[in-house]
Amino acid sequence: MANDFVKRLTEPTPNPHSNRCSMGHVLSQVSDDERKALEHAIDQVRQSLKNQTSLQTGYTSRWLSRVLSEFNFSVSDRMIRRHCVGDCSCES
């Protein structure tokens, strides 16, 4: 067991998605209709962040993270905020 532990600590396996925005990844995985709805939701979250109206509108990064989680997409609310403000690795 100790040798397995040492091996895992000295031979990391690169993650092919490590430099990729999680939202960009989800957008590339969904159907056209789902992508349109998701882009609309992202735009609403973006506007709510910009106008500081998230609490009034309900369009929050946490809400979107929970919705995505319900459908087995793991995207943190922090990553959603980064995507919305353009501070991520994708072109959006």
N, C-alpha and C. Protein backbone atom coordinates (compact mmCIF):
# COMPACT_ATOMS: atom_id res chain seq x y z
N MET A 1 0.81 -1.20 0.00
CA MET A 1 0.00 0.00 0.00
C MET A 1 0.86 1.26 0.00
N ALA A 2 1.92 1.25 0.77
CA ALA A 2 2.79 2.42 0.83
C ALA A 2 3.40 2.73 -0.54
N ASN A 3 3.77 1.67 -1.29
CA ASN A 3 4.34 1.89 -2.62
C ASN A 3 3.32 2.51 -3.56
N ASP A 4 2.04 2.08 -3.48
CA ASP A 4 1.00 2.67 -4.30
C ASP A 4 0.81 4.16 -3.96
N PHE A 5 0.87 4.46 -2.67
CA PHE A 5 0.72 5.83 -2.22
C PHE A 5 1.85 6.70 -2.78
N VAL A 6 3.08 6.21 -2.65
CA VAL A 6 4.24 6.94 -3.15
C VAL A 6 4.14 7.12 -4.67
N LYS A 7 3.74 6.06 -5.37
CA LYS A 7 3.62 6.13 -6.82
C LYS A 7 2.61 7.20 -7.24
N ARG A 8 1.45 7.21 -6.58
CA ARG A 8 0.41 8.19 -6.92
C ARG A 8 0.87 9.62 -6.65
N LEU A 9 1.67 9.79 -5.61
CA LEU A 9 2.16 11.12 -5.26
C LEU A 9 3.28 11.59 -6.18
N THR A 10 3.95 10.67 -6.83
CA THR A 10 5.08 11.05 -7.68
C THR A 10 4.77 10.97 -9.17
N GLU A 11 3.62 10.41 -9.53
CA GLU A 11 3.25 10.27 -10.94
C GLU A 11 1.83 10.77 -11.17
N PRO A 12 1.63 12.08 -11.16
CA PRO A 12 0.27 12.60 -11.35
C PRO A 12 -0.26 12.32 -12.76
N THR A 13 -1.54 12.18 -12.84
CA THR A 13 -2.20 11.99 -14.13
C THR A 13 -2.79 13.33 -14.56
N PRO A 14 -2.33 13.89 -15.68
CA PRO A 14 -2.86 15.18 -16.12
C PRO A 14 -4.36 15.10 -16.41
N ASN A 15 -5.06 16.14 -16.06
CA ASN A 15 -6.49 16.24 -16.34
C ASN A 15 -6.66 16.95 -17.67
N PRO A 16 -7.30 16.29 -18.66
CA PRO A 16 -7.44 16.93 -19.98
C PRO A 16 -8.32 18.18 -19.96
N HIS A 17 -9.10 18.36 -18.89
CA HIS A 17 -10.00 19.51 -18.80
C HIS A 17 -9.50 20.57 -17.83
N SER A 18 -8.26 20.45 -17.35
CA SER A 18 -7.79 21.34 -16.29
C SER A 18 -7.72 22.81 -16.69
N ASN A 19 -7.47 23.09 -17.95
CA ASN A 19 -7.38 24.49 -18.39
C ASN A 19 -8.65 24.95 -19.09
N ARG A 20 -9.71 24.25 -18.90
CA ARG A 20 -10.94 24.52 -19.62
C ARG A 20 -12.00 25.07 -18.67
N CYS A 21 -12.70 26.06 -19.13
CA CYS A 21 -13.80 26.62 -18.35
C CYS A 21 -14.90 25.57 -18.23
N SER A 22 -15.37 25.32 -17.02
CA SER A 22 -16.42 24.33 -16.80
C SER A 22 -17.70 24.69 -17.53
N MET A 23 -18.03 25.97 -17.59
CA MET A 23 -19.24 26.39 -18.31
C MET A 23 -19.07 26.15 -19.81
N GLY A 24 -17.90 26.45 -20.33
CA GLY A 24 -17.64 26.19 -21.74
C GLY A 24 -17.76 24.71 -22.05
N HIS A 25 -17.30 23.88 -21.12
CA HIS A 25 -17.40 22.43 -21.30
C HIS A 25 -18.87 22.00 -21.33
N VAL A 26 -19.67 22.50 -20.40
CA VAL A 26 -21.10 22.14 -20.37
C VAL A 26 -21.77 22.61 -21.66
N LEU A 27 -21.49 23.83 -22.07
CA LEU A 27 -22.09 24.37 -23.30
C LEU A 27 -21.77 23.50 -24.52
N SER A 28 -20.61 22.87 -24.50
CA SER A 28 -20.22 22.03 -25.64
C SER A 28 -20.86 20.64 -25.57
N GLN A 29 -21.46 20.29 -24.43
CA GLN A 29 -22.02 18.96 -24.24
C GLN A 29 -23.52 18.87 -24.43
N VAL A 30 -24.22 19.98 -24.44
CA VAL A 30 -25.68 19.97 -24.46
C VAL A 30 -26.23 20.14 -25.88
N SER A 31 -27.50 19.85 -26.03
CA SER A 31 -28.16 20.01 -27.33
C SER A 31 -28.30 21.49 -27.67
N ASP A 32 -28.67 21.78 -28.90
CA ASP A 32 -28.85 23.17 -29.33
C ASP A 32 -29.90 23.90 -28.49
N ASP A 33 -31.05 23.25 -28.26
CA ASP A 33 -32.10 23.87 -27.44
C ASP A 33 -31.63 24.12 -26.02
N GLU A 34 -30.92 23.14 -25.46
CA GLU A 34 -30.40 23.29 -24.10
C GLU A 34 -29.35 24.39 -24.05
N ARG A 35 -28.51 24.47 -25.08
CA ARG A 35 -27.49 25.52 -25.12
C ARG A 35 -28.12 26.90 -25.17
N LYS A 36 -29.16 27.06 -25.97
CA LYS A 36 -29.85 28.36 -26.04
C LYS A 36 -30.43 28.74 -24.69
N ALA A 37 -31.07 27.78 -24.01
CA ALA A 37 -31.64 28.06 -22.69
C ALA A 37 -30.55 28.36 -21.67
N LEU A 38 -29.45 27.62 -21.74
CA LEU A 38 -28.34 27.84 -20.82
C LEU A 38 -27.68 29.19 -21.08
N GLU A 39 -27.49 29.53 -22.33
CA GLU A 39 -26.91 30.85 -22.66
C GLU A 39 -27.81 31.97 -22.17
N HIS A 40 -29.13 31.78 -22.28
CA HIS A 40 -30.06 32.78 -21.76
C HIS A 40 -29.91 32.91 -20.24
N ALA A 41 -29.85 31.78 -19.56
CA ALA A 41 -29.69 31.80 -18.10
C ALA A 41 -28.37 32.47 -17.71
N ILE A 42 -27.30 32.16 -18.45
CA ILE A 42 -26.00 32.79 -18.18
C ILE A 42 -26.10 34.30 -18.39
N ASP A 43 -26.75 34.72 -19.45
CA ASP A 43 -26.94 36.16 -19.69
C ASP A 43 -27.72 36.82 -18.56
N GLN A 44 -28.74 36.13 -18.06
CA GLN A 44 -29.54 36.68 -16.95
C GLN A 44 -28.69 36.80 -15.68
N VAL A 45 -27.88 35.79 -15.41
CA VAL A 45 -26.99 35.85 -14.24
C VAL A 45 -25.98 36.97 -14.44
N ARG A 46 -25.44 37.09 -15.65
CA ARG A 46 -24.48 38.15 -15.96
C ARG A 46 -25.09 39.53 -15.71
N GLN A 47 -26.30 39.74 -16.20
CA GLN A 47 -26.98 41.03 -16.00
C GLN A 47 -27.27 41.29 -14.52
N SER A 48 -27.68 40.24 -13.83
CA SER A 48 -27.97 40.40 -12.39
C SER A 48 -26.71 40.75 -11.61
N LEU A 49 -25.58 40.15 -11.99
CA LEU A 49 -24.32 40.49 -11.34
C LEU A 49 -23.93 41.93 -11.65
N LYS A 50 -24.08 42.31 -12.90
CA LYS A 50 -23.71 43.67 -13.34
C LYS A 50 -24.57 44.72 -12.64
N ASN A 51 -25.87 44.45 -12.56
CA ASN A 51 -26.81 45.41 -11.97
C ASN A 51 -27.02 45.22 -10.48
N GLN A 52 -26.36 44.24 -9.91
CA GLN A 52 -26.50 43.90 -8.49
C GLN A 52 -27.95 43.64 -8.11
N THR A 53 -28.64 42.86 -8.97
CA THR A 53 -30.05 42.56 -8.73
C THR A 53 -30.30 41.06 -8.56
N SER A 54 -29.25 40.30 -8.29
CA SER A 54 -29.38 38.85 -8.19
C SER A 54 -30.43 38.41 -7.19
N LEU A 55 -30.46 39.05 -6.03
CA LEU A 55 -31.41 38.65 -5.00
C LEU A 55 -32.85 38.93 -5.40
N GLN A 56 -33.05 40.00 -6.14
CA GLN A 56 -34.41 40.34 -6.58
C GLN A 56 -34.88 39.46 -7.73
N THR A 57 -33.98 39.13 -8.65
CA THR A 57 -34.38 38.37 -9.84
C THR A 57 -34.35 36.87 -9.63
N GLY A 58 -33.53 36.40 -8.71
CA GLY A 58 -33.36 34.97 -8.51
C GLY A 58 -32.30 34.36 -9.41
N TYR A 59 -31.83 35.13 -10.39
CA TYR A 59 -30.78 34.65 -11.29
C TYR A 59 -29.43 34.83 -10.61
N THR A 60 -29.02 33.83 -9.87
CA THR A 60 -27.74 33.87 -9.17
C THR A 60 -26.85 32.75 -9.67
N SER A 61 -25.57 32.91 -9.47
CA SER A 61 -24.63 31.85 -9.86
C SER A 61 -24.88 30.59 -9.03
N ARG A 62 -25.27 30.76 -7.79
CA ARG A 62 -25.58 29.60 -6.95
C ARG A 62 -26.80 28.86 -7.48
N TRP A 63 -27.85 29.60 -7.87
CA TRP A 63 -29.04 28.98 -8.45
C TRP A 63 -28.66 28.17 -9.69
N LEU A 64 -27.87 28.78 -10.59
CA LEU A 64 -27.50 28.09 -11.82
C LEU A 64 -26.64 26.87 -11.52
N SER A 65 -25.76 26.98 -10.56
CA SER A 65 -24.93 25.84 -10.17
C SER A 65 -25.81 24.68 -9.68
N ARG A 66 -26.83 25.00 -8.90
CA ARG A 66 -27.74 23.96 -8.39
C ARG A 66 -28.55 23.33 -9.51
N VAL A 67 -29.03 24.13 -10.45
CA VAL A 67 -29.78 23.60 -11.60
C VAL A 67 -28.88 22.66 -12.40
N LEU A 68 -27.67 23.09 -12.69
CA LEU A 68 -26.74 22.25 -13.44
C LEU A 68 -26.46 20.95 -12.69
N SER A 69 -26.31 21.05 -11.38
CA SER A 69 -26.06 19.86 -10.55
C SER A 69 -27.22 18.87 -10.63
N GLU A 70 -28.45 19.38 -10.68
CA GLU A 70 -29.62 18.50 -10.81
C GLU A 70 -29.54 17.64 -12.07
N PHE A 71 -28.84 18.14 -13.08
CA PHE A 71 -28.72 17.42 -14.34
C PHE A 71 -27.30 16.87 -14.55
N ASN A 72 -26.62 16.65 -13.41
CA ASN A 72 -25.32 15.99 -13.36
C ASN A 72 -24.18 16.75 -14.03
N PHE A 73 -24.27 18.07 -14.02
CA PHE A 73 -23.16 18.91 -14.47
C PHE A 73 -22.58 19.58 -13.22
N SER A 74 -21.31 19.39 -13.02
CA SER A 74 -20.66 19.93 -11.83
C SER A 74 -19.92 21.22 -12.17
N VAL A 75 -20.56 22.35 -11.85
CA VAL A 75 -19.95 23.66 -12.08
C VAL A 75 -20.19 24.49 -10.82
N SER A 76 -19.14 24.96 -10.21
CA SER A 76 -19.28 25.74 -8.98
C SER A 76 -19.85 27.13 -9.28
N ASP A 77 -20.48 27.71 -8.28
CA ASP A 77 -21.01 29.06 -8.46
C ASP A 77 -19.87 30.05 -8.73
N ARG A 78 -18.72 29.78 -8.17
CA ARG A 78 -17.55 30.65 -8.42
C ARG A 78 -17.14 30.59 -9.89
N MET A 79 -17.14 29.39 -10.47
CA MET A 79 -16.77 29.26 -11.89
C MET A 79 -17.81 29.94 -12.77
N ILE A 80 -19.07 29.85 -12.39
CA ILE A 80 -20.13 30.53 -13.15
C ILE A 80 -19.92 32.04 -13.11
N ARG A 81 -19.61 32.57 -11.93
CA ARG A 81 -19.33 34.01 -11.83
C ARG A 81 -18.14 34.40 -12.70
N ARG A 82 -17.08 33.59 -12.65
CA ARG A 82 -15.90 33.88 -13.47
C ARG A 82 -16.26 33.88 -14.95
N HIS A 83 -17.07 32.91 -15.37
CA HIS A 83 -17.50 32.83 -16.77
C HIS A 83 -18.32 34.08 -17.13
N CYS A 84 -19.21 34.48 -16.25
CA CYS A 84 -20.09 35.62 -16.52
C CYS A 84 -19.33 36.93 -16.66
N VAL A 85 -18.25 37.08 -15.97
CA VAL A 85 -17.48 38.33 -16.06
C VAL A 85 -16.31 38.23 -17.03
N GLY A 86 -16.20 37.09 -17.72
CA GLY A 86 -15.14 36.94 -18.72
C GLY A 86 -13.78 36.63 -18.13
N ASP A 87 -13.75 36.13 -16.89
CA ASP A 87 -12.49 35.81 -16.23
C ASP A 87 -12.27 34.30 -16.24
N CYS A 88 -12.51 33.67 -17.38
CA CYS A 88 -12.33 32.23 -17.52
C CYS A 88 -11.49 31.96 -18.76
N SER A 89 -11.27 30.70 -19.03
CA SER A 89 -10.38 30.34 -20.14
C SER A 89 -11.08 30.19 -21.49
N CYS A 90 -12.39 30.39 -21.54
CA CYS A 90 -13.07 30.24 -22.82
C CYS A 90 -13.28 31.60 -23.48
N GLU A 91 -13.82 31.57 -24.66
CA GLU A 91 -14.00 32.78 -25.46
C GLU A 91 -15.25 33.59 -25.10
N SER A 92 -16.11 33.04 -24.25
CA SER A 92 -17.40 33.69 -23.95
C SER A 92 -17.22 34.98 -23.18
